[in-house]
């Protein structure tokens, strides 16, 4: 499960991250950790939390860089989502990103290389 942890940002949040070098959102600051998603959780994360956005940034994280502060926990706060989610307890930096894509609202098309990886794992 190497490098299958993702962060979604609004374009405004991405601009702030590029200016500061730190990836952080208001929700992350409020909750005390960085909310992340596994590959299998991306579609629902986009649908639930980014439906109002026309474009977002999808960041794939280098787990070898963040593994020491990465925890797998049930959703906080609990609600609709089930299973465990990756939460990062530290300062997430631009250098922790291995790949990035700008997604358009066209049903938030996930990049083909990610879909192919998911499809391969599902079979």
C-alpha atoms as a PDB file:
ATOM      1  CA  UNK A   1       0.000   0.000   0.000  1.00  0.00           C
ATOM      2  CA  UNK A   2       2.869   2.355  -0.792  1.00  0.00           C
ATOM      3  CA  UNK A   3       1.915   5.857  -1.967  1.00  0.00           C
ATOM      4  CA  UNK A   4      -1.828   5.272  -2.012  1.00  0.00           C
ATOM      5  CA  UNK A   5      -2.647   8.119   0.356  1.00  0.00           C
ATOM      6  CA  UNK A   6      -4.124  11.295  -1.095  1.00  0.00           C
ATOM      7  CA  UNK A   7      -5.037  14.836  -0.050  1.00  0.00           C
ATOM      8  CA  UNK A   8      -7.642  16.930  -1.845  1.00  0.00           C
ATOM      9  CA  UNK A   9      -7.396  20.728  -1.723  1.00  0.00           C
ATOM     10  CA  UNK A  10      -9.433  23.567  -3.140  1.00  0.00           C
ATOM     11  CA  UNK A  11      -7.512  25.756  -5.573  1.00  0.00           C
ATOM     12  CA  UNK A  12      -7.371  28.457  -2.883  1.00  0.00           C
ATOM     13  CA  UNK A  13      -5.864  26.001  -0.384  1.00  0.00           C
ATOM     14  CA  UNK A  14      -3.396  24.842  -3.060  1.00  0.00           C
ATOM     15  CA  UNK A  15      -2.333  28.442  -3.684  1.00  0.00           C
ATOM     16  CA  UNK A  16      -1.744  28.920   0.044  1.00  0.00           C
ATOM     17  CA  UNK A  17       0.270  25.687   0.167  1.00  0.00           C
ATOM     18  CA  UNK A  18       2.438  26.778  -2.750  1.00  0.00           C
ATOM     19  CA  UNK A  19       3.103  30.133  -1.096  1.00  0.00           C
ATOM     20  CA  UNK A  20       3.925  28.709   2.350  1.00  0.00           C
ATOM     21  CA  UNK A  21       5.257  25.243   1.491  1.00  0.00           C
ATOM     22  CA  UNK A  22       2.810  23.789   4.056  1.00  0.00           C
ATOM     23  CA  UNK A  23      -0.325  21.814   3.165  1.00  0.00           C
ATOM     24  CA  UNK A  24      -3.025  22.715   5.670  1.00  0.00           C
ATOM     25  CA  UNK A  25      -6.740  23.447   5.690  1.00  0.00           C
ATOM     26  CA  UNK A  26      -9.053  25.040   8.246  1.00  0.00           C
ATOM     27  CA  UNK A  27     -10.583  21.633   8.981  1.00  0.00           C
ATOM     28  CA  UNK A  28      -7.149  20.067   9.506  1.00  0.00           C
ATOM     29  CA  UNK A  29      -6.160  22.861  11.884  1.00  0.00           C
ATOM     30  CA  UNK A  30      -9.450  22.552  13.782  1.00  0.00           C
ATOM     31  CA  UNK A  31      -9.207  18.753  14.134  1.00  0.00           C
ATOM     32  CA  UNK A  32      -5.463  18.670  14.908  1.00  0.00           C
ATOM     33  CA  UNK A  33      -4.476  16.343  12.057  1.00  0.00           C
ATOM     34  CA  UNK A  34      -4.424  16.293   8.264  1.00  0.00           C
ATOM     35  CA  UNK A  35      -7.416  14.513   6.744  1.00  0.00           C
ATOM     36  CA  UNK A  36      -6.334  12.134   3.975  1.00  0.00           C
ATOM     37  CA  UNK A  37      -8.001   9.469   1.840  1.00  0.00           C
ATOM     38  CA  UNK A  38      -7.018   6.091   0.492  1.00  0.00           C
ATOM     39  CA  UNK A  39      -7.406   5.499  -3.228  1.00  0.00           C
ATOM     40  CA  UNK A  40     -10.662   3.606  -2.632  1.00  0.00           C
ATOM     41  CA  UNK A  41     -12.096   6.556  -0.640  1.00  0.00           C
ATOM     42  CA  UNK A  42     -11.364   9.335  -3.126  1.00  0.00           C
ATOM     43  CA  UNK A  43     -14.602   9.345  -5.073  1.00  0.00           C
ATOM     44  CA  UNK A  44     -16.779   9.674  -1.982  1.00  0.00           C
ATOM     45  CA  UNK A  45     -14.447  12.267  -0.421  1.00  0.00           C
ATOM     46  CA  UNK A  46     -14.774  14.379  -3.581  1.00  0.00           C
ATOM     47  CA  UNK A  47     -18.553  13.943  -3.677  1.00  0.00           C
ATOM     48  CA  UNK A  48     -19.150  14.729  -0.009  1.00  0.00           C
ATOM     49  CA  UNK A  49     -16.702  17.543   0.647  1.00  0.00           C
ATOM     50  CA  UNK A  50     -15.834  19.175  -2.679  1.00  0.00           C
ATOM     51  CA  UNK A  51     -19.127  19.119  -4.585  1.00  0.00           C
ATOM     52  CA  UNK A  52     -19.304  22.916  -4.714  1.00  0.00           C
ATOM     53  CA  UNK A  53     -15.855  23.288  -6.296  1.00  0.00           C
ATOM     54  CA  UNK A  54     -15.381  23.519 -10.077  1.00  0.00           C
ATOM     55  CA  UNK A  55     -11.745  22.395  -9.800  1.00  0.00           C
ATOM     56  CA  UNK A  56      -9.645  20.849  -7.039  1.00  0.00           C
ATOM     57  CA  UNK A  57      -6.077  19.655  -6.589  1.00  0.00           C
ATOM     58  CA  UNK A  58      -5.439  15.977  -5.936  1.00  0.00           C
ATOM     59  CA  UNK A  59      -2.137  15.293  -4.200  1.00  0.00           C
ATOM     60  CA  UNK A  60      -0.593  11.838  -3.967  1.00  0.00           C
ATOM     61  CA  UNK A  61       1.676  11.616  -0.933  1.00  0.00           C
ATOM     62  CA  UNK A  62       5.003   9.824  -0.572  1.00  0.00           C
ATOM     63  CA  UNK A  63       4.264   7.470   2.309  1.00  0.00           C
ATOM     64  CA  UNK A  64       7.948   6.789   2.915  1.00  0.00           C
ATOM     65  CA  UNK A  65       8.275  10.455   3.925  1.00  0.00           C
ATOM     66  CA  UNK A  66       5.183  10.639   6.165  1.00  0.00           C
ATOM     67  CA  UNK A  67       4.890   7.114   7.599  1.00  0.00           C
ATOM     68  CA  UNK A  68       6.144   8.000  11.096  1.00  0.00           C
ATOM     69  CA  UNK A  69       3.249  10.392  11.759  1.00  0.00           C
ATOM     70  CA  UNK A  70       0.569   8.590   9.753  1.00  0.00           C
ATOM     71  CA  UNK A  71      -2.207   6.841  11.676  1.00  0.00           C
ATOM     72  CA  UNK A  72      -5.137   4.806  10.398  1.00  0.00           C
ATOM     73  CA  UNK A  73      -8.292   5.660  12.346  1.00  0.00           C
ATOM     74  CA  UNK A  74     -12.052   5.582  12.150  1.00  0.00           C
ATOM     75  CA  UNK A  75     -13.626   8.780  10.827  1.00  0.00           C
ATOM     76  CA  UNK A  76     -13.341  11.835  13.055  1.00  0.00           C
ATOM     77  CA  UNK A  77     -15.993  13.021  13.610  1.00  0.00           C
ATOM     78  CA  UNK A  78     -17.956   9.827  13.139  1.00  0.00           C
ATOM     79  CA  UNK A  79     -20.765   9.988  10.633  1.00  0.00           C
ATOM     80  CA  UNK A  80     -21.547   8.587   7.200  1.00  0.00           C
ATOM     81  CA  UNK A  81     -18.093   7.215   6.442  1.00  0.00           C
ATOM     82  CA  UNK A  82     -17.044   3.728   7.482  1.00  0.00           C
ATOM     83  CA  UNK A  83     -13.719   1.964   7.733  1.00  0.00           C
ATOM     84  CA  UNK A  84     -10.394   3.536   8.596  1.00  0.00           C
ATOM     85  CA  UNK A  85      -8.879   6.672   7.138  1.00  0.00           C
ATOM     86  CA  UNK A  86      -5.310   7.893   7.004  1.00  0.00           C
ATOM     87  CA  UNK A  87      -4.716  10.850   9.330  1.00  0.00           C
ATOM     88  CA  UNK A  88      -1.392  12.662   9.413  1.00  0.00           C
ATOM     89  CA  UNK A  89      -0.282  14.086  12.756  1.00  0.00           C
ATOM     90  CA  UNK A  90       2.390  16.529  11.705  1.00  0.00           C
ATOM     91  CA  UNK A  91       3.199  19.329   9.329  1.00  0.00           C
ATOM     92  CA  UNK A  92       2.552  18.173   5.774  1.00  0.00           C
ATOM     93  CA  UNK A  93       4.912  19.870   3.326  1.00  0.00           C
ATOM     94  CA  UNK A  94       4.993  20.226  -0.453  1.00  0.00           C
ATOM     95  CA  UNK A  95       8.056  17.952  -0.470  1.00  0.00           C
ATOM     96  CA  UNK A  96       5.811  15.143   0.807  1.00  0.00           C
ATOM     97  CA  UNK A  97       3.844  15.180  -2.477  1.00  0.00           C
ATOM     98  CA  UNK A  98       4.891  12.604  -5.068  1.00  0.00           C
ATOM     99  CA  UNK A  99       2.332  13.577  -7.765  1.00  0.00           C
ATOM    100  CA  UNK A 100      -0.402  16.143  -8.247  1.00  0.00           C
ATOM    101  CA  UNK A 101      -3.305  16.652 -10.616  1.00  0.00           C
ATOM    102  CA  UNK A 102      -5.876  19.376 -11.128  1.00  0.00           C
ATOM    103  CA  UNK A 103      -9.298  17.755 -11.347  1.00  0.00           C
ATOM    104  CA  UNK A 104     -12.206  19.413 -13.145  1.00  0.00           C
ATOM    105  CA  UNK A 105     -15.748  19.001 -11.908  1.00  0.00           C
ATOM    106  CA  UNK A 106     -16.624  16.836 -14.895  1.00  0.00           C
ATOM    107  CA  UNK A 107     -17.678  14.265 -12.293  1.00  0.00           C
ATOM    108  CA  UNK A 108     -14.204  14.818 -10.822  1.00  0.00           C
ATOM    109  CA  UNK A 109     -12.555  12.530 -13.320  1.00  0.00           C
ATOM    110  CA  UNK A 110      -9.870  10.615 -11.509  1.00  0.00           C
ATOM    111  CA  UNK A 111      -6.621  10.417 -13.542  1.00  0.00           C
ATOM    112  CA  UNK A 112      -6.400   7.265 -15.642  1.00  0.00           C
ATOM    113  CA  UNK A 113      -3.240   6.017 -13.937  1.00  0.00           C
ATOM    114  CA  UNK A 114      -5.040   5.976 -10.592  1.00  0.00           C
ATOM    115  CA  UNK A 115      -8.141   4.278 -12.018  1.00  0.00           C
ATOM    116  CA  UNK A 116      -5.989   1.603 -13.614  1.00  0.00           C
ATOM    117  CA  UNK A 117      -4.191   0.946 -10.341  1.00  0.00           C
ATOM    118  CA  UNK A 118      -7.515   0.651  -8.503  1.00  0.00           C
ATOM    119  CA  UNK A 119      -8.929  -1.663 -11.135  1.00  0.00           C
ATOM    120  CA  UNK A 120      -5.851  -3.912 -10.997  1.00  0.00           C
ATOM    121  CA  UNK A 121      -6.092  -4.209  -7.213  1.00  0.00           C
ATOM    122  CA  UNK A 122      -9.831  -4.960  -7.308  1.00  0.00           C
ATOM    123  CA  UNK A 123      -9.443  -8.002  -9.561  1.00  0.00           C
END
